Amino acid sequence: MVKHIILWTLKDMSAEEKERVKAGIKEGLEGLQGKIPGMIDIKVNSTGRLETSTVDLMLDSTFESREALATYSQHPAHVEVADTKVRPFTASRACLDYEV
Protein backbone atom coordinates (compact mmCIF):
# COMPACT_ATOMS: atom_id res chain seq x y z
CA MET A 1 0.00 0.00 0.00
CA VAL A 2 1.01 3.61 -0.54
CA LYS A 3 0.12 6.62 1.60
CA HIS A 4 -0.25 9.99 -0.14
CA ILE A 5 -0.23 12.93 2.27
CA ILE A 6 -0.62 16.55 1.13
CA LEU A 7 -0.40 19.68 3.28
CA TRP A 8 -1.70 22.97 1.90
CA THR A 9 -1.54 26.59 2.93
CA LEU A 10 -4.33 28.68 1.46
CA LYS A 11 -3.85 32.07 -0.17
CA ASP A 12 -4.72 35.19 1.80
CA MET A 13 -8.50 35.53 2.07
CA SER A 14 -11.17 36.30 4.64
CA ALA A 15 -11.91 33.77 7.37
CA GLU A 16 -15.34 33.14 5.84
CA GLU A 17 -13.90 32.53 2.38
CA LYS A 18 -11.22 30.26 3.87
CA GLU A 19 -13.91 28.10 5.50
CA ARG A 20 -15.85 27.94 2.23
CA VAL A 21 -12.73 26.95 0.28
CA LYS A 22 -11.74 24.28 2.82
CA ALA A 23 -15.26 22.81 2.68
CA GLY A 24 -15.12 22.75 -1.13
CA ILE A 25 -11.74 21.01 -1.14
CA LYS A 26 -12.97 18.43 1.38
CA GLU A 27 -16.19 17.78 -0.53
CA GLY A 28 -14.41 17.56 -3.88
CA LEU A 29 -11.57 15.26 -2.85
CA GLU A 30 -13.59 12.99 -0.55
CA GLY A 31 -16.16 12.76 -3.34
CA LEU A 32 -13.57 10.84 -5.37
CA GLN A 33 -13.93 7.82 -3.07
CA GLY A 34 -15.04 4.84 -5.15
CA LYS A 35 -14.41 6.60 -8.48
CA ILE A 36 -10.71 5.89 -8.95
CA PRO A 37 -9.34 2.36 -9.33
CA GLY A 38 -6.89 1.38 -6.61
CA MET A 39 -7.90 4.09 -4.16
CA ILE A 40 -8.50 2.58 -0.72
CA ASP A 41 -9.30 5.68 1.32
CA ILE A 42 -9.28 9.47 1.06
CA LYS A 43 -9.87 12.01 3.82
CA VAL A 44 -9.36 15.75 4.14
CA ASN A 45 -8.76 17.23 7.57
CA SER A 46 -9.93 20.84 7.41
CA THR A 47 -11.22 21.53 10.93
CA GLY A 48 -9.96 21.34 14.49
CA ARG A 49 -6.65 22.92 13.57
CA LEU A 50 -4.60 24.01 16.60
CA GLU A 51 -2.89 27.42 16.78
CA THR A 52 0.48 25.66 16.54
CA SER A 53 -0.30 24.47 12.99
CA THR A 54 1.59 25.99 10.09
CA VAL A 55 -0.73 24.77 7.31
CA ASP A 56 -4.47 25.07 6.68
CA LEU A 57 -5.51 21.55 5.69
CA MET A 58 -4.32 18.02 4.98
CA LEU A 59 -5.17 15.25 2.54
CA ASP A 60 -4.61 11.73 3.87
CA SER A 61 -5.14 9.08 1.19
CA THR A 62 -4.23 5.42 0.73
CA PHE A 63 -3.72 3.50 -2.51
CA GLU A 64 -3.17 -0.15 -3.35
CA SER A 65 0.14 0.54 -5.09
CA ARG A 66 2.42 3.13 -6.68
CA GLU A 67 0.63 2.47 -9.94
CA ALA A 68 -2.74 3.24 -8.35
CA LEU A 69 -1.34 6.54 -7.04
CA ALA A 70 -0.10 7.37 -10.54
CA THR A 71 -3.56 6.56 -11.92
CA TYR A 72 -5.14 8.88 -9.34
CA SER A 73 -2.82 11.75 -10.19
CA GLN A 74 -3.86 11.64 -13.87
CA HIS A 75 -7.50 10.61 -13.43
CA PRO A 76 -9.88 13.17 -15.01
CA ALA A 77 -12.08 13.34 -11.90
CA HIS A 78 -9.07 14.15 -9.70
CA VAL A 79 -7.66 16.66 -12.20
CA GLU A 80 -11.02 18.46 -12.31
CA VAL A 81 -11.18 18.78 -8.51
CA ALA A 82 -7.55 19.88 -8.33
CA ASP A 83 -7.98 22.47 -11.09
CA THR A 84 -11.25 23.94 -9.78
CA LYS A 85 -11.29 23.50 -6.00
CA VAL A 86 -7.65 23.24 -4.90
CA ARG A 87 -5.01 24.92 -7.08
CA PRO A 88 -6.75 28.30 -7.52
CA PHE A 89 -6.87 28.78 -3.72
CA THR A 90 -3.58 27.32 -2.44
CA ALA A 91 -0.38 29.25 -1.87
CA SER A 92 1.81 26.26 -1.02
CA ARG A 93 1.74 22.46 -1.16
CA ALA A 94 3.89 19.82 0.48
CA CYS A 95 3.64 16.12 -0.41
CA LEU A 96 4.80 12.95 1.32
CA ASP A 97 4.30 9.61 -0.42
CA TYR A 98 5.45 6.41 1.29
CA GLU A 99 4.91 2.66 1.24
CA VAL A 100 3.29 0.93 4.20
PDB file of N, CA and C in Angstrom:
ATOM      1  N   MET A   1       0.845  -1.179   0.000  1.00  0.00           N
ATOM      2  CA  MET A   1       0.000   0.000   0.000  1.00  0.00           C
ATOM      3  C   MET A   1       0.887   1.238   0.000  1.00  0.00           C
ATOM      4  N   VAL A   2       0.306   2.329  -0.477  1.00  0.00           N
ATOM      5  CA  VAL A   2       1.007   3.608  -0.544  1.00  0.00           C
ATOM      6  C   VAL A   2       0.149   4.676   0.116  1.00  0.00           C
ATOM      7  N   LYS A   3       0.774   5.457   1.002  1.00  0.00           N
ATOM      8  CA  LYS A   3       0.121   6.618   1.599  1.00  0.00           C
ATOM      9  C   LYS A   3       0.525   7.844   0.791  1.00  0.00           C
ATOM     10  N   HIS A   4      -0.454   8.735   0.592  1.00  0.00           N
ATOM     11  CA  HIS A   4      -0.248   9.990  -0.145  1.00  0.00           C
ATOM     12  C   HIS A   4      -0.785  11.098   0.752  1.00  0.00           C
ATOM     13  N   ILE A   5       0.134  11.879   1.333  1.00  0.00           N
ATOM     14  CA  ILE A   5      -0.226  12.934   2.272  1.00  0.00           C
ATOM     15  C   ILE A   5       0.120  14.276   1.634  1.00  0.00           C
ATOM     16  N   ILE A   6      -0.843  15.202   1.643  1.00  0.00           N
ATOM     17  CA  ILE A   6      -0.620  16.550   1.126  1.00  0.00           C
ATOM     18  C   ILE A   6      -0.967  17.546   2.217  1.00  0.00           C
ATOM     19  N   LEU A   7      -0.138  18.561   2.375  1.00  0.00           N
ATOM     20  CA  LEU A   7      -0.404  19.676   3.277  1.00  0.00           C
ATOM     21  C   LEU A   7      -0.475  20.947   2.443  1.00  0.00           C
ATOM     22  N   TRP A   8      -1.528  21.733   2.642  1.00  0.00           N
ATOM     23  CA  TRP A   8      -1.700  22.973   1.899  1.00  0.00           C
ATOM     24  C   TRP A   8      -1.790  24.170   2.824  1.00  0.00           C
ATOM     25  N   THR A   9      -1.281  25.289   2.344  1.00  0.00           N
ATOM     26  CA  THR A   9      -1.537  26.592   2.932  1.00  0.00           C
ATOM     27  C   THR A   9      -2.362  27.357   1.903  1.00  0.00           C
ATOM     28  N   LEU A  10      -3.461  27.932   2.359  1.00  0.00           N
ATOM     29  CA  LEU A  10      -4.326  28.682   1.462  1.00  0.00           C
ATOM     30  C   LEU A  10      -3.781  30.088   1.228  1.00  0.00           C
ATOM     31  N   LYS A  11      -4.191  30.683   0.120  1.00  0.00           N
ATOM     32  CA  LYS A  11      -3.853  32.075  -0.169  1.00  0.00           C
ATOM     33  C   LYS A  11      -4.537  32.978   0.850  1.00  0.00           C
ATOM     34  N   ASP A  12      -4.084  34.223   0.911  1.00  0.00           N
ATOM     35  CA  ASP A  12      -4.720  35.187   1.801  1.00  0.00           C
ATOM     36  C   ASP A  12      -6.158  35.420   1.365  1.00  0.00           C
ATOM     37  N   MET A  13      -7.082  35.302   2.327  1.00  0.00           N
ATOM     38  CA  MET A  13      -8.505  35.525   2.070  1.00  0.00           C
ATOM     39  C   MET A  13      -9.190  35.688   3.417  1.00  0.00           C
ATOM     40  N   SER A  14     -10.432  36.130   3.391  1.00  0.00           N
ATOM     41  CA  SER A  14     -11.172  36.304   4.640  1.00  0.00           C
ATOM     42  C   SER A  14     -11.393  34.955   5.316  1.00  0.00           C
ATOM     43  N   ALA A  15     -11.647  35.002   6.618  1.00  0.00           N
ATOM     44  CA  ALA A  15     -11.909  33.767   7.370  1.00  0.00           C
ATOM     45  C   ALA A  15     -13.112  33.034   6.805  1.00  0.00           C
ATOM     46  N   GLU A  16     -14.138  33.767   6.404  1.00  0.00           N
ATOM     47  CA  GLU A  16     -15.339  33.143   5.844  1.00  0.00           C
ATOM     48  C   GLU A  16     -15.035  32.451   4.520  1.00  0.00           C
ATOM     49  N   GLU A  17     -14.249  33.133   3.670  1.00  0.00           N
ATOM     50  CA  GLU A  17     -13.902  32.526   2.384  1.00  0.00           C
ATOM     51  C   GLU A  17     -13.018  31.307   2.601  1.00  0.00           C
ATOM     52  N   LYS A  18     -12.097  31.389   3.572  1.00  0.00           N
ATOM     53  CA  LYS A  18     -11.223  30.264   3.869  1.00  0.00           C
ATOM     54  C   LYS A  18     -12.044  29.037   4.269  1.00  0.00           C
ATOM     55  N   GLU A  19     -13.051  29.218   5.093  1.00  0.00           N
ATOM     56  CA  GLU A  19     -13.913  28.095   5.503  1.00  0.00           C
ATOM     57  C   GLU A  19     -14.663  27.521   4.317  1.00  0.00           C
ATOM     58  N   ARG A  20     -15.141  28.383   3.428  1.00  0.00           N
ATOM     59  CA  ARG A  20     -15.852  27.942   2.225  1.00  0.00           C
ATOM     60  C   ARG A  20     -14.918  27.140   1.317  1.00  0.00           C
ATOM     61  N   VAL A  21     -13.712  27.634   1.134  1.00  0.00           N
ATOM     62  CA  VAL A  21     -12.732  26.955   0.282  1.00  0.00           C
ATOM     63  C   VAL A  21     -12.355  25.596   0.875  1.00  0.00           C
ATOM     64  N   LYS A  22     -12.093  25.553   2.181  1.00  0.00           N
ATOM     65  CA  LYS A  22     -11.738  24.277   2.821  1.00  0.00           C
ATOM     66  C   LYS A  22     -12.873  23.269   2.676  1.00  0.00           C
ATOM     67  N   ALA A  23     -14.112  23.718   2.847  1.00  0.00           N
ATOM     68  CA  ALA A  23     -15.258  22.815   2.681  1.00  0.00           C
ATOM     69  C   ALA A  23     -15.354  22.309   1.247  1.00  0.00           C
ATOM     70  N   GLY A  24     -15.085  23.168   0.277  1.00  0.00           N
ATOM     71  CA  GLY A  24     -15.117  22.752  -1.128  1.00  0.00           C
ATOM     72  C   GLY A  24     -14.032  21.748  -1.463  1.00  0.00           C
ATOM     73  N   ILE A  25     -12.838  21.954  -0.919  1.00  0.00           N
ATOM     74  CA  ILE A  25     -11.742  21.008  -1.138  1.00  0.00           C
ATOM     75  C   ILE A  25     -12.094  19.660  -0.519  1.00  0.00           C
ATOM     76  N   LYS A  26     -12.590  19.679   0.708  1.00  0.00           N
ATOM     77  CA  LYS A  26     -12.971  18.434   1.382  1.00  0.00           C
ATOM     78  C   LYS A  26     -14.046  17.694   0.595  1.00  0.00           C
ATOM     79  N   GLU A  27     -15.089  18.392   0.221  1.00  0.00           N
ATOM     80  CA  GLU A  27     -16.190  17.776  -0.532  1.00  0.00           C
ATOM     81  C   GLU A  27     -15.693  17.211  -1.864  1.00  0.00           C
ATOM     82  N   GLY A  28     -14.885  17.991  -2.568  1.00  0.00           N
ATOM     83  CA  GLY A  28     -14.406  17.560  -3.878  1.00  0.00           C
ATOM     84  C   GLY A  28     -13.507  16.337  -3.808  1.00  0.00           C
ATOM     85  N   LEU A  29     -12.511  16.370  -2.920  1.00  0.00           N
ATOM     86  CA  LEU A  29     -11.573  15.255  -2.852  1.00  0.00           C
ATOM     87  C   LEU A  29     -12.205  14.017  -2.234  1.00  0.00           C
ATOM     88  N   GLU A  30     -12.950  14.172  -1.148  1.00  0.00           N
ATOM     89  CA  GLU A  30     -13.589  12.995  -0.548  1.00  0.00           C
ATOM     90  C   GLU A  30     -14.657  12.420  -1.471  1.00  0.00           C
ATOM     91  N   GLY A  31     -15.192  13.232  -2.356  1.00  0.00           N
ATOM     92  CA  GLY A  31     -16.163  12.761  -3.342  1.00  0.00           C
ATOM     93  C   GLY A  31     -15.559  11.839  -4.388  1.00  0.00           C
ATOM     94  N   LEU A  32     -14.242  11.747  -4.427  1.00  0.00           N
ATOM     95  CA  LEU A  32     -13.574  10.842  -5.374  1.00  0.00           C
ATOM     96  C   LEU A  32     -13.575   9.396  -4.898  1.00  0.00           C
ATOM     97  N   GLN A  33     -13.906   9.185  -3.623  1.00  0.00           N
ATOM     98  CA  GLN A  33     -13.935   7.817  -3.074  1.00  0.00           C
ATOM     99  C   GLN A  33     -14.820   6.929  -3.942  1.00  0.00           C
ATOM    100  N   GLY A  34     -14.283   5.790  -4.343  1.00  0.00           N
ATOM    101  CA  GLY A  34     -15.039   4.836  -5.149  1.00  0.00           C
ATOM    102  C   GLY A  34     -15.033   5.129  -6.637  1.00  0.00           C
ATOM    103  N   LYS A  35     -14.423   6.227  -7.057  1.00  0.00           N
ATOM    104  CA  LYS A  35     -14.412   6.603  -8.475  1.00  0.00           C
ATOM    105  C   LYS A  35     -13.079   6.332  -9.163  1.00  0.00           C
ATOM    106  N   ILE A  36     -12.049   6.052  -8.374  1.00  0.00           N
ATOM    107  CA  ILE A  36     -10.711   5.895  -8.951  1.00  0.00           C
ATOM    108  C   ILE A  36     -10.167   4.511  -8.589  1.00  0.00           C
ATOM    109  N   PRO A  37      -9.842   3.709  -9.593  1.00  0.00           N
ATOM    110  CA  PRO A  37      -9.336   2.357  -9.328  1.00  0.00           C
ATOM    111  C   PRO A  37      -8.090   2.385  -8.456  1.00  0.00           C
ATOM    112  N   GLY A  38      -8.052   1.511  -7.459  1.00  0.00           N
ATOM    113  CA  GLY A  38      -6.887   1.385  -6.611  1.00  0.00           C
ATOM    114  C   GLY A  38      -6.858   2.317  -5.415  1.00  0.00           C
ATOM    115  N   MET A  39      -7.828   3.214  -5.328  1.00  0.00           N
ATOM    116  CA  MET A  39      -7.899   4.090  -4.159  1.00  0.00           C
ATOM    117  C   MET A  39      -8.585   3.327  -3.036  1.00  0.00           C
ATOM    118  N   ILE A  40      -7.934   3.275  -1.878  1.00  0.00           N
ATOM    119  CA  ILE A  40      -8.496   2.580  -0.725  1.00  0.00           C
ATOM    120  C   ILE A  40      -9.260   3.546   0.166  1.00  0.00           C
ATOM    121  N   ASP A  41      -8.678   4.723   0.410  1.00  0.00           N
ATOM    122  CA  ASP A  41      -9.300   5.683   1.325  1.00  0.00           C
ATOM    123  C   ASP A  41      -8.812   7.082   0.990  1.00  0.00           C
ATOM    124  N   ILE A  42      -9.663   8.077   1.260  1.00  0.00           N
ATOM    125  CA  ILE A  42      -9.279   9.471   1.060  1.00  0.00           C
ATOM    126  C   ILE A  42     -10.035  10.324   2.067  1.00  0.00           C
ATOM    127  N   LYS A  43      -9.274  11.134   2.806  1.00  0.00           N
ATOM    128  CA  LYS A  43      -9.866  12.011   3.818  1.00  0.00           C
ATOM    129  C   LYS A  43      -9.156  13.346   3.790  1.00  0.00           C
ATOM    130  N   VAL A  44      -9.920  14.407   4.017  1.00  0.00           N
ATOM    131  CA  VAL A  44      -9.362  15.747   4.138  1.00  0.00           C
ATOM    132  C   VAL A  44      -9.651  16.249   5.539  1.00  0.00           C
ATOM    133  N   ASN A  45      -8.602  16.645   6.245  1.00  0.00           N
ATOM    134  CA  ASN A  45      -8.758  17.231   7.572  1.00  0.00           C
ATOM    135  C   ASN A  45      -8.705  18.737   7.397  1.00  0.00           C
ATOM    136  N   SER A  46      -9.846  19.391   7.630  1.00  0.00           N
ATOM    137  CA  SER A  46      -9.925  20.838   7.415  1.00  0.00           C
ATOM    138  C   SER A  46     -10.448  21.586   8.635  1.00  0.00           C
ATOM    139  N   THR A  47     -10.694  20.881   9.725  1.00  0.00           N
ATOM    140  CA  THR A  47     -11.215  21.528  10.927  1.00  0.00           C
ATOM    141  C   THR A  47     -10.433  21.057  12.149  1.00  0.00           C
ATOM    142  N   GLY A  48     -10.608  21.740  13.249  1.00  0.00           N
ATOM    143  CA  GLY A  48      -9.963  21.341  14.493  1.00  0.00           C
ATOM    144  C   GLY A  48      -8.492  21.685  14.556  1.00  0.00           C
ATOM    145  N   ARG A  49      -8.059  22.551  13.663  1.00  0.00           N
ATOM    146  CA  ARG A  49      -6.654  22.922  13.566  1.00  0.00           C
ATOM    147  C   ARG A  49      -6.228  23.721  14.799  1.00  0.00           C
ATOM    148  N   LEU A  50      -5.140  23.308  15.433  1.00  0.00           N
ATOM    149  CA  LEU A  50      -4.604  24.010  16.596  1.00  0.00           C
ATOM    150  C   LEU A  50      -3.796  25.234  16.163  1.00  0.00           C
ATOM    151  N   GLU A  51      -3.632  26.185  17.067  1.00  0.00           N
ATOM    152  CA  GLU A  51      -2.891  27.418  16.783  1.00  0.00           C
ATOM    153  C   GLU A  51      -1.438  27.138  16.412  1.00  0.00           C
ATOM    154  N   THR A  52      -0.910  26.009  16.829  1.00  0.00           N
ATOM    155  CA  THR A  52       0.478  25.657  16.542  1.00  0.00           C
ATOM    156  C   THR A  52       0.678  25.156  15.111  1.00  0.00           C
ATOM    157  N   SER A  53      -0.398  24.959  14.372  1.00  0.00           N
ATOM    158  CA  SER A  53      -0.303  24.467  12.993  1.00  0.00           C
ATOM    159  C   SER A  53       0.285  25.531  12.080  1.00  0.00           C
ATOM    160  N   THR A  54       0.996  25.069  11.070  1.00  0.00           N
ATOM    161  CA  THR A  54       1.590  25.989  10.095  1.00  0.00           C
ATOM    162  C   THR A  54       0.988  25.832   8.705  1.00  0.00           C
ATOM    163  N   VAL A  55      -0.007  24.957   8.566  1.00  0.00           N
ATOM    164  CA  VAL A  55      -0.729  24.774   7.308  1.00  0.00           C
ATOM    165  C   VAL A  55      -2.225  24.823   7.595  1.00  0.00           C
ATOM    166  N   ASP A  56      -3.021  24.924   6.523  1.00  0.00           N
ATOM    167  CA  ASP A  56      -4.466  25.067   6.683  1.00  0.00           C
ATOM    168  C   ASP A  56      -5.247  23.770   6.601  1.00  0.00           C
ATOM    169  N   LEU A  57      -4.792  22.818   5.794  1.00  0.00           N
ATOM    170  CA  LEU A  57      -5.513  21.552   5.687  1.00  0.00           C
ATOM    171  C   LEU A  57      -4.621  20.444   5.154  1.00  0.00           C
ATOM    172  N   MET A  58      -5.104  19.203   5.319  1.00  0.00           N
ATOM    173  CA  MET A  58      -4.322  18.018   4.981  1.00  0.00           C
ATOM    174  C   MET A  58      -5.184  16.997   4.239  1.00  0.00           C
ATOM    175  N   LEU A  59      -4.587  16.406   3.226  1.00  0.00           N
ATOM    176  CA  LEU A  59      -5.169  15.253   2.539  1.00  0.00           C
ATOM    177  C   LEU A  59      -4.429  14.021   3.030  1.00  0.00           C
ATOM    178  N   ASP A  60      -5.174  13.005   3.434  1.00  0.00           N
ATOM    179  CA  ASP A  60      -4.610  11.727   3.866  1.00  0.00           C
ATOM    180  C   ASP A  60      -5.287  10.660   3.024  1.00  0.00           C
ATOM    181  N   SER A  61      -4.540  10.074   2.092  1.00  0.00           N
ATOM    182  CA  SER A  61      -5.135   9.077   1.194  1.00  0.00           C
ATOM    183  C   SER A  61      -4.259   7.839   1.125  1.00  0.00           C
ATOM    184  N   THR A  62      -4.901   6.719   0.793  1.00  0.00           N
ATOM    185  CA  THR A  62      -4.229   5.424   0.731  1.00  0.00           C
ATOM    186  C   THR A  62      -4.573   4.754  -0.592  1.00  0.00           C
ATOM    187  N   PHE A  63      -3.556   4.169  -1.220  1.00  0.00           N
ATOM    188  CA  PHE A  63      -3.722   3.505  -2.510  1.00  0.00           C
ATOM    189  C   PHE A  63      -3.134   2.099  -2.450  1.00  0.00           C
ATOM    190  N   GLU A  64      -3.634   1.243  -3.318  1.00  0.00           N
ATOM    191  CA  GLU A  64      -3.172  -0.147  -3.352  1.00  0.00           C
ATOM    192  C   GLU A  64      -1.697  -0.260  -3.716  1.00  0.00           C
ATOM    193  N   SER A  65      -1.213   0.665  -4.556  1.00  0.00           N
ATOM    194  CA  SER A  65       0.144   0.544  -5.090  1.00  0.00           C
ATOM    195  C   SER A  65       0.613   1.890  -5.629  1.00  0.00           C
ATOM    196  N   ARG A  66       1.876   1.930  -6.017  1.00  0.00           N
ATOM    197  CA  ARG A  66       2.418   3.128  -6.676  1.00  0.00           C
ATOM    198  C   ARG A  66       1.677   3.399  -7.983  1.00  0.00           C
ATOM    199  N   GLU A  67       1.347   2.324  -8.670  1.00  0.00           N
ATOM    200  CA  GLU A  67       0.633   2.467  -9.942  1.00  0.00           C
ATOM    201  C   GLU A  67      -0.748   3.081  -9.721  1.00  0.00           C
ATOM    202  N   ALA A  68      -1.416   2.675  -8.654  1.00  0.00           N
ATOM    203  CA  ALA A  68      -2.736   3.239  -8.349  1.00  0.00           C
ATOM    204  C   ALA A  68      -2.623   4.729  -8.022  1.00  0.00           C
ATOM    205  N   LEU A  69      -1.565   5.121  -7.320  1.00  0.00           N
ATOM    206  CA  LEU A  69      -1.337   6.536  -7.037  1.00  0.00           C
ATOM    207  C   LEU A  69      -1.101   7.305  -8.334  1.00  0.00           C
ATOM    208  N   ALA A  70      -0.342   6.732  -9.236  1.00  0.00           N
ATOM    209  CA  ALA A  70      -0.104   7.368 -10.538  1.00  0.00           C
ATOM    210  C   ALA A  70      -1.405   7.513 -11.325  1.00  0.00           C
ATOM    211  N   THR A  71      -2.256   6.489 -11.258  1.00  0.00           N
ATOM    212  CA  THR A  71      -3.563   6.559 -11.924  1.00  0.00           C
ATOM    213  C   THR A  71      -4.392   7.701 -11.346  1.00  0.00           C
ATOM    214  N   TYR A  72      -4.416   7.814 -10.028  1.00  0.00           N
ATOM    215  CA  TYR A  72      -5.145   8.884  -9.343  1.00  0.00           C
ATOM    216  C   TYR A  72      -4.666  10.254  -9.799  1.00  0.00           C
ATOM    217  N   SER A  73      -3.351  10.429  -9.868  1.00  0.00           N
ATOM    218  CA  SER A  73      -2.818  11.754 -10.191  1.00  0.00           C
ATOM    219  C   SER A  73      -3.236  12.231 -11.576  1.00  0.00           C
ATOM    220  N   GLN A  74      -3.486  11.296 -12.499  1.00  0.00           N
ATOM    221  CA  GLN A  74      -3.864  11.643 -13.870  1.00  0.00           C
ATOM    222  C   GLN A  74      -5.356  11.453 -14.163  1.00  0.00           C
ATOM    223  N   HIS A  75      -6.093  10.908 -13.209  1.00  0.00           N
ATOM    224  CA  HIS A  75      -7.504  10.607 -13.434  1.00  0.00           C
ATOM    225  C   HIS A  75      -8.289  11.905 -13.672  1.00  0.00           C
ATOM    226  N   PRO A  76      -9.138  11.945 -14.695  1.00  0.00           N
ATOM    227  CA  PRO A  76      -9.878  13.171 -15.013  1.00  0.00           C
ATOM    228  C   PRO A  76     -10.715  13.724 -13.848  1.00  0.00           C
ATOM    229  N   ALA A  77     -11.280  12.866 -13.037  1.00  0.00           N
ATOM    230  CA  ALA A  77     -12.081  13.341 -11.902  1.00  0.00           C
ATOM    231  C   ALA A  77     -11.196  14.056 -10.881  1.00  0.00           C
ATOM    232  N   HIS A  78     -10.014  13.510 -10.627  1.00  0.00           N
ATOM    233  CA  HIS A  78      -9.070  14.153  -9.703  1.00  0.00           C
ATOM    234  C   HIS A  78      -8.553  15.465 -10.284  1.00  0.00           C
ATOM    235  N   VAL A  79      -8.179  15.456 -11.542  1.00  0.00           N
ATOM    236  CA  VAL A  79      -7.656  16.661 -12.195  1.00  0.00           C
ATOM    237  C   VAL A  79      -8.696  17.777 -12.144  1.00  0.00           C
ATOM    238  N   GLU A  80      -9.958  17.446 -12.364  1.00  0.00           N
ATOM    239  CA  GLU A  80     -11.015  18.462 -12.314  1.00  0.00           C
ATOM    240  C   GLU A  80     -11.123  19.085 -10.920  1.00  0.00           C
ATOM    241  N   VAL A  81     -11.119  18.259  -9.886  1.00  0.00           N
ATOM    242  CA  VAL A  81     -11.184  18.778  -8.512  1.00  0.00           C
ATOM    243  C   VAL A  81      -9.949  19.630  -8.222  1.00  0.00           C
ATOM    244  N   ALA A  82      -8.784  19.142  -8.584  1.00  0.00           N
ATOM    245  CA  ALA A  82      -7.545  19.882  -8.328  1.00  0.00           C
ATOM    246  C   ALA A  82      -7.552  21.233  -9.044  1.00  0.00           C
ATOM    247  N   ASP A  83      -8.003  21.242 -10.289  1.00  0.00           N
ATOM    248  CA  ASP A  83      -7.979  22.468 -11.087  1.00  0.00           C
ATOM    249  C   ASP A  83      -9.052  23.485 -10.691  1.00  0.00           C
ATOM    250  N   THR A  84     -10.154  23.018 -10.089  1.00  0.00           N
ATOM    251  CA  THR A  84     -11.249  23.942  -9.778  1.00  0.00           C
ATOM    252  C   THR A  84     -11.405  24.259  -8.296  1.00  0.00           C
ATOM    253  N   LYS A  85     -11.044  23.312  -7.425  1.00  0.00           N
ATOM    254  CA  LYS A  85     -11.292  23.504  -6.000  1.00  0.00           C
ATOM    255  C   LYS A  85     -10.022  23.658  -5.165  1.00  0.00           C
ATOM    256  N   VAL A  86      -8.879  23.235  -5.698  1.00  0.00           N
ATOM    257  CA  VAL A  86      -7.652  23.241  -4.901  1.00  0.00           C
ATOM    258  C   VAL A  86      -6.658  24.283  -5.417  1.00  0.00           C
ATOM    259  N   ARG A  87      -6.103  24.086  -6.580  1.00  0.00           N
ATOM    260  CA  ARG A  87      -5.011  24.921  -7.084  1.00  0.00           C
ATOM    261  C   ARG A  87      -5.308  26.419  -7.106  1.00  0.00           C
ATOM    262  N   PRO A  88      -6.514  26.847  -7.479  1.00  0.00           N
ATOM    263  CA  PRO A  88      -6.754  28.295  -7.515  1.00  0.00           C
ATOM    264  C   PRO A  88      -6.677  28.970  -6.146  1.00  0.00           C
ATOM    265  N   PHE A  89      -6.762  28.206  -5.065  1.00  0.00           N
ATOM    266  CA  PHE A  89      -6.867  28.781  -3.725  1.00  0.00           C
ATOM    267  C   PHE A  89      -5.669  28.492  -2.825  1.00  0.00           C
ATOM    268  N   THR A  90      -4.703  27.701  -3.299  1.00  0.00           N
ATOM    269  CA  THR A  90      -3.585  27.323  -2.437  1.00  0.00           C
ATOM    270  C   THR A  90      -2.320  28.108  -2.774  1.00  0.00           C
ATOM    271  N   ALA A  91      -1.632  28.518  -1.716  1.00  0.00           N
ATOM    272  CA  ALA A  91      -0.378  29.252  -1.871  1.00  0.00           C
ATOM    273  C   ALA A  91       0.816  28.309  -1.846  1.00  0.00           C
ATOM    274  N   SER A  92       0.710  27.221  -1.075  1.00  0.00           N
ATOM    275  CA  SER A  92       1.807  26.259  -1.022  1.00  0.00           C
ATOM    276  C   SER A  92       1.269  24.858  -0.815  1.00  0.00           C
ATOM    277  N   ARG A  93       2.094  23.889  -1.233  1.00  0.00           N
ATOM    278  CA  ARG A  93       1.736  22.465  -1.161  1.00  0.00           C
ATOM    279  C   ARG A  93       2.970  21.673  -0.798  1.00  0.00           C
ATOM    280  N   ALA A  94       2.821  20.761   0.149  1.00  0.00           N
ATOM    281  CA  ALA A  94       3.887  19.818   0.478  1.00  0.00           C
ATOM    282  C   ALA A  94       3.310  18.414   0.357  1.00  0.00           C
ATOM    283  N   CYS A  95       4.101  17.491  -0.156  1.00  0.00           N
ATOM    284  CA  CYS A  95       3.644  16.123  -0.405  1.00  0.00           C
ATOM    285  C   CYS A  95       4.599  15.130   0.226  1.00  0.00           C
ATOM    286  N   LEU A  96       4.023  14.084   0.826  1.00  0.00           N
ATOM    287  CA  LEU A  96       4.805  12.952   1.323  1.00  0.00           C
ATOM    288  C   LEU A  96       4.102  11.673   0.864  1.00  0.00           C
ATOM    289  N   ASP A  97       4.782  10.911   0.028  1.00  0.00           N
ATOM    290  CA  ASP A  97       4.296   9.609  -0.420  1.00  0.00           C
ATOM    291  C   ASP A  97       5.220   8.552   0.172  1.00  0.00           C
ATOM    292  N   TYR A  98       4.626   7.476   0.723  1.00  0.00           N
ATOM    293  CA  TYR A  98       5.454   6.415   1.288  1.00  0.00           C
ATOM    294  C   TYR A  98       4.707   5.090   1.256  1.00  0.00           C
ATOM    295  N   GLU A  99       5.496   4.005   1.236  1.00  0.00           N
ATOM    296  CA  GLU A  99       4.913   2.663   1.241  1.00  0.00           C
ATOM    297  C   GLU A  99       4.701   2.201   2.675  1.00  0.00           C
ATOM    298  N   VAL A 100       3.578   1.504   2.879  1.00  0.00           N
ATOM    299  CA  VAL A 100       3.287   0.934   4.203  1.00  0.00           C
ATOM    300  C   VAL A 100       3.131  -0.565   4.079  1.00  0.00           C
TER     301      VAL A 100
END
